[in-house]
C-alpha atoms as a PDB file:
ATOM      1  CA  UNK A   1     121.191 127.643 109.774  1.00  0.00           C
ATOM      2  CA  UNK A   2     121.472 125.892 106.425  1.00  0.00           C
ATOM      3  CA  UNK A   3     124.851 125.595 104.783  1.00  0.00           C
ATOM      4  CA  UNK A   4     125.398 125.825 101.077  1.00  0.00           C
ATOM      5  CA  UNK A   5     127.833 123.823  99.055  1.00  0.00           C
ATOM      6  CA  UNK A   6     129.516 126.825  97.431  1.00  0.00           C
ATOM      7  CA  UNK A   7     132.937 126.375  95.907  1.00  0.00           C
ATOM      8  CA  UNK A   8     135.373 129.187  96.631  1.00  0.00           C
ATOM      9  CA  UNK A   9     136.834 130.571  93.427  1.00  0.00           C
ATOM     10  CA  UNK A  10     140.520 131.446  93.487  1.00  0.00           C
ATOM     11  CA  UNK A  11     142.554 132.875  90.610  1.00  0.00           C
ATOM     12  CA  UNK A  12     145.161 130.100  90.610  1.00  0.00           C
ATOM     13  CA  UNK A  13     143.996 126.525  90.160  1.00  0.00           C
ATOM     14  CA  UNK A  14     146.077 123.386  89.899  1.00  0.00           C
ATOM     15  CA  UNK A  15     145.059 120.272  87.981  1.00  0.00           C
ATOM     16  CA  UNK A  16     145.820 117.518  90.496  1.00  0.00           C
ATOM     17  CA  UNK A  17     146.114 114.936  87.705  1.00  0.00           C
ATOM     18  CA  UNK A  18     148.941 116.896  86.054  1.00  0.00           C
ATOM     19  CA  UNK A  19     150.701 118.260  89.155  1.00  0.00           C
ATOM     20  CA  UNK A  20     153.946 116.462  90.036  1.00  0.00           C
ATOM     21  CA  UNK A  21     154.511 118.050  93.449  1.00  0.00           C
ATOM     22  CA  UNK A  22     154.356 114.571  94.977  1.00  0.00           C
ATOM     23  CA  UNK A  23     157.515 113.794  92.981  1.00  0.00           C
ATOM     24  CA  UNK A  24     159.310 116.823  94.435  1.00  0.00           C
ATOM     25  CA  UNK A  25     158.397 119.591  91.990  1.00  0.00           C
ATOM     26  CA  UNK A  26     158.085 123.046  93.600  1.00  0.00           C
ATOM     27  CA  UNK A  27     158.469 125.275  90.538  1.00  0.00           C
ATOM     28  CA  UNK A  28     155.203 127.195  90.983  1.00  0.00           C
ATOM     29  CA  UNK A  29     155.900 127.819  94.665  1.00  0.00           C
ATOM     30  CA  UNK A  30     159.464 128.914  93.926  1.00  0.00           C
ATOM     31  CA  UNK A  31     158.554 131.444  91.216  1.00  0.00           C
ATOM     32  CA  UNK A  32     155.600 133.083  93.010  1.00  0.00           C
ATOM     33  CA  UNK A  33     156.746 136.561  94.095  1.00  0.00           C
ATOM     34  CA  UNK A  34     153.978 136.808  96.702  1.00  0.00           C
ATOM     35  CA  UNK A  35     154.505 133.410  98.283  1.00  0.00           C
ATOM     36  CA  UNK A  36     150.807 132.530  98.008  1.00  0.00           C
ATOM     37  CA  UNK A  37     151.283 128.987  96.712  1.00  0.00           C
ATOM     38  CA  UNK A  38     152.157 125.976  98.858  1.00  0.00           C
ATOM     39  CA  UNK A  39     152.511 122.246  98.417  1.00  0.00           C
ATOM     40  CA  UNK A  40     149.807 120.242 100.189  1.00  0.00           C
ATOM     41  CA  UNK A  41     151.968 117.402 101.488  1.00  0.00           C
ATOM     42  CA  UNK A  42     148.941 115.189 102.237  1.00  0.00           C
ATOM     43  CA  UNK A  43     147.575 115.387  98.694  1.00  0.00           C
ATOM     44  CA  UNK A  44     150.895 115.901  96.925  1.00  0.00           C
ATOM     45  CA  UNK A  45     149.701 118.898  94.889  1.00  0.00           C
ATOM     46  CA  UNK A  46     150.253 122.627  94.836  1.00  0.00           C
ATOM     47  CA  UNK A  47     147.482 124.951  95.936  1.00  0.00           C
ATOM     48  CA  UNK A  48     146.783 128.568  96.631  1.00  0.00           C
ATOM     49  CA  UNK A  49     147.241 129.372 100.318  1.00  0.00           C
ATOM     50  CA  UNK A  50     146.194 133.053 100.166  1.00  0.00           C
ATOM     51  CA  UNK A  51     144.003 134.806  97.621  1.00  0.00           C
ATOM     52  CA  UNK A  52     146.363 137.719  97.032  1.00  0.00           C
ATOM     53  CA  UNK A  53     147.422 136.895  93.476  1.00  0.00           C
ATOM     54  CA  UNK A  54     148.831 139.653  91.239  1.00  0.00           C
ATOM     55  CA  UNK A  55     148.048 137.608  88.090  1.00  0.00           C
ATOM     56  CA  UNK A  56     151.702 137.801  87.070  1.00  0.00           C
ATOM     57  CA  UNK A  57     151.573 134.189  85.713  1.00  0.00           C
ATOM     58  CA  UNK A  58     155.110 132.802  86.293  1.00  0.00           C
ATOM     59  CA  UNK A  59     153.528 129.852  88.102  1.00  0.00           C
ATOM     60  CA  UNK A  60     151.467 129.040  85.003  1.00  0.00           C
ATOM     61  CA  UNK A  61     154.224 129.744  82.465  1.00  0.00           C
ATOM     62  CA  UNK A  62     156.975 127.851  84.300  1.00  0.00           C
ATOM     63  CA  UNK A  63     154.942 124.777  85.327  1.00  0.00           C
ATOM     64  CA  UNK A  64     156.613 121.829  83.563  1.00  0.00           C
ATOM     65  CA  UNK A  65     153.338 119.896  83.205  1.00  0.00           C
ATOM     66  CA  UNK A  66     150.932 122.782  82.488  1.00  0.00           C
ATOM     67  CA  UNK A  67     149.045 121.924  85.688  1.00  0.00           C
ATOM     68  CA  UNK A  68     148.678 125.548  86.829  1.00  0.00           C
ATOM     69  CA  UNK A  69     146.060 127.930  85.451  1.00  0.00           C
ATOM     70  CA  UNK A  70     145.794 131.608  86.347  1.00  0.00           C
ATOM     71  CA  UNK A  71     142.369 133.046  85.645  1.00  0.00           C
ATOM     72  CA  UNK A  72     142.870 136.730  84.958  1.00  0.00           C
ATOM     73  CA  UNK A  73     139.741 138.805  85.623  1.00  0.00           C
ATOM     74  CA  UNK A  74     138.133 140.302  82.543  1.00  0.00           C
ATOM     75  CA  UNK A  75     138.766 143.857  83.701  1.00  0.00           C
ATOM     76  CA  UNK A  76     142.521 143.238  83.925  1.00  0.00           C
ATOM     77  CA  UNK A  77     142.902 141.691  80.478  1.00  0.00           C
END
């Protein structure tokens, strides 16, 4: 069976170049009411652990480096 190189799309993305989790920042993880964000200790960046986002955006709004982006689906805007 052939495999495809499809990228999984999640509503919360983190710009690894801007994320300062490696320096101890956990703001996005701390403000997420659903606990779906984690810090990848190997890479030193935040990421979405579960795709159960409510699109509430505190992670994006409170991020001190604007590394977090929440893509709200068109139908919810």
